[in-house]
Amino acid sequence: MANSDIPIEYDAAVIHQQADLLYGEANTAVITTTIAIGVLGVLAAAASFNFVADRSEVLAIIVAVGIPIGAALIGAWLGSSRAFRLRSQAQQLLVLVAIERNTRKPPAVAQTHPAPPAVQVAS
């Protein structure tokens, strides 16, 4: 029996959980990316500082401060772009759940009450 033959039941809670995870990841994306790229900027500035310090003290200070700040700004921009994509994916999942909920046919209800008696009209 192939995997495609196995019926899978729809569970909106799973999709909501995935959307919540995407929102959580989006909330931390900006901070983590800013820090990660900023640390790389600090390492690049430290490596560049020794080469520039022999030539100009002012230029060395600009390099030591400018590269990490520039790297952190690039990290924040990349992180906010990633956060937007993650929030967009979460929204797409929630829209799919809403579409399914709004277009689902109600289950057939078994008649549990007896039919009302027929009314006869006297002639």
Protein backbone atom coordinates (compact mmCIF):
# COMPACT_ATOMS: atom_id res chain seq x y z
CA MET A 1 0.00 0.00 0.00
CA ALA A 2 1.49 3.34 -1.03
CA ASN A 3 1.71 6.30 1.32
CA SER A 4 -0.71 8.26 -0.85
CA ASP A 5 -3.41 5.67 -0.13
CA ILE A 6 -3.38 6.39 3.60
CA PRO A 7 -6.10 8.87 4.52
CA ILE A 8 -4.80 11.79 6.55
CA GLU A 9 -7.18 13.78 8.69
CA TYR A 10 -7.04 17.55 8.56
CA ASP A 11 -6.05 19.16 11.86
CA ALA A 12 -6.14 22.97 11.99
CA ALA A 13 -4.30 22.93 15.33
CA VAL A 14 -1.15 21.65 13.61
CA ILE A 15 -1.25 24.54 11.14
CA HIS A 16 -1.88 27.05 13.94
CA GLN A 17 1.11 25.61 15.83
CA GLN A 18 3.30 25.99 12.73
CA ALA A 19 2.10 29.59 12.30
CA ASP A 20 2.94 30.31 15.96
CA LEU A 21 6.44 28.89 15.45
CA LEU A 22 6.92 31.07 12.38
CA TYR A 23 5.80 34.17 14.30
CA GLY A 24 8.20 33.30 17.14
CA GLU A 25 11.07 32.88 14.72
CA ALA A 26 10.15 36.17 13.04
CA ASN A 27 10.21 37.97 16.39
CA THR A 28 13.80 36.88 17.04
CA ALA A 29 15.10 37.10 13.45
CA VAL A 30 16.00 40.79 13.57
CA ILE A 31 17.88 40.57 16.88
CA THR A 32 19.79 37.38 16.10
CA THR A 33 20.78 38.45 12.60
CA THR A 34 21.86 41.89 13.81
CA ILE A 35 24.02 40.36 16.53
CA ALA A 36 25.52 37.69 14.26
CA ILE A 37 26.44 40.09 11.45
CA GLY A 38 27.56 42.69 14.01
CA VAL A 39 29.99 40.18 15.57
CA LEU A 40 31.36 39.41 12.11
CA GLY A 41 31.78 43.17 11.65
CA VAL A 42 33.72 43.41 14.91
CA LEU A 43 36.02 40.60 13.76
CA ALA A 44 36.51 42.29 10.38
CA ALA A 45 37.18 45.62 12.09
CA ALA A 46 39.72 44.04 14.44
CA ALA A 47 41.55 42.47 11.51
CA SER A 48 41.48 45.74 9.56
CA PHE A 49 42.46 47.89 12.54
CA ASN A 50 46.06 46.61 12.65
CA PHE A 51 46.60 47.39 8.98
CA VAL A 52 45.10 50.87 9.20
CA ALA A 53 46.51 51.89 12.60
CA ASP A 54 50.05 52.23 11.21
CA ARG A 55 48.89 54.76 8.64
CA SER A 56 46.33 56.92 10.46
CA GLU A 57 44.94 56.88 13.99
CA VAL A 58 41.73 58.64 12.94
CA LEU A 59 41.16 56.21 10.10
CA ALA A 60 41.79 53.30 12.48
CA ILE A 61 39.10 54.60 14.86
CA ILE A 62 36.67 55.08 11.99
CA VAL A 63 37.33 51.51 10.81
CA ALA A 64 37.05 50.12 14.35
CA VAL A 65 33.67 51.78 14.89
CA GLY A 66 32.28 52.07 11.38
CA ILE A 67 32.61 48.49 10.21
CA PRO A 68 30.74 46.94 13.18
CA ILE A 69 28.00 49.59 13.03
CA GLY A 70 27.64 49.14 9.27
CA ALA A 71 27.60 45.37 9.65
CA ALA A 72 24.96 45.58 12.39
CA LEU A 73 22.78 47.82 10.19
CA ILE A 74 23.09 45.34 7.32
CA GLY A 75 22.23 42.54 9.76
CA ALA A 76 19.15 44.41 10.96
CA TRP A 77 18.03 44.96 7.37
CA LEU A 78 18.56 41.28 6.50
CA GLY A 79 16.82 40.21 9.72
CA SER A 80 13.79 42.40 9.09
CA SER A 81 13.53 41.03 5.55
CA ARG A 82 13.63 37.49 6.93
CA ALA A 83 11.09 38.36 9.62
CA PHE A 84 8.74 39.74 6.98
CA ARG A 85 9.00 36.53 4.94
CA LEU A 86 8.32 34.40 8.04
CA ARG A 87 5.29 36.49 9.04
CA SER A 88 4.01 36.28 5.48
CA GLN A 89 4.30 32.48 5.54
CA ALA A 90 2.43 32.38 8.86
CA GLN A 91 -0.31 34.54 7.41
CA GLN A 92 -0.60 32.25 4.38
CA LEU A 93 -1.08 29.27 6.67
CA LEU A 94 -3.75 31.06 8.68
CA VAL A 95 -5.56 32.11 5.50
CA LEU A 96 -5.62 28.49 4.36
CA VAL A 97 -7.15 27.47 7.70
CA ALA A 98 -9.78 30.22 7.39
CA ILE A 99 -10.62 29.20 3.82
CA GLU A 100 -11.01 25.58 4.87
CA ARG A 101 -13.18 26.55 7.84
CA ASN A 102 -15.41 28.83 5.75
CA THR A 103 -15.86 26.42 2.87
CA ARG A 104 -16.28 23.19 4.82
CA LYS A 105 -19.65 21.56 4.42
CA PRO A 106 -21.35 20.85 7.73
CA PRO A 107 -21.47 17.16 8.58
CA ALA A 108 -24.72 15.37 7.90
CA VAL A 109 -26.80 15.41 11.06
CA ALA A 110 -28.67 12.25 11.87
CA GLN A 111 -32.29 12.86 12.65
CA THR A 112 -32.69 12.11 16.36
CA HIS A 113 -36.19 13.51 16.78
CA PRO A 114 -39.24 11.89 15.25
CA ALA A 115 -40.92 13.79 12.48
CA PRO A 116 -43.85 15.95 13.65
CA PRO A 117 -47.26 14.41 13.15
CA ALA A 118 -49.03 15.30 9.97
CA VAL A 119 -51.84 17.79 10.37
CA GLN A 120 -55.07 16.85 8.71
CA VAL A 121 -57.46 19.53 7.59
CA ALA A 122 -61.15 18.78 8.19
CA SER A 123 -63.32 19.19 5.16
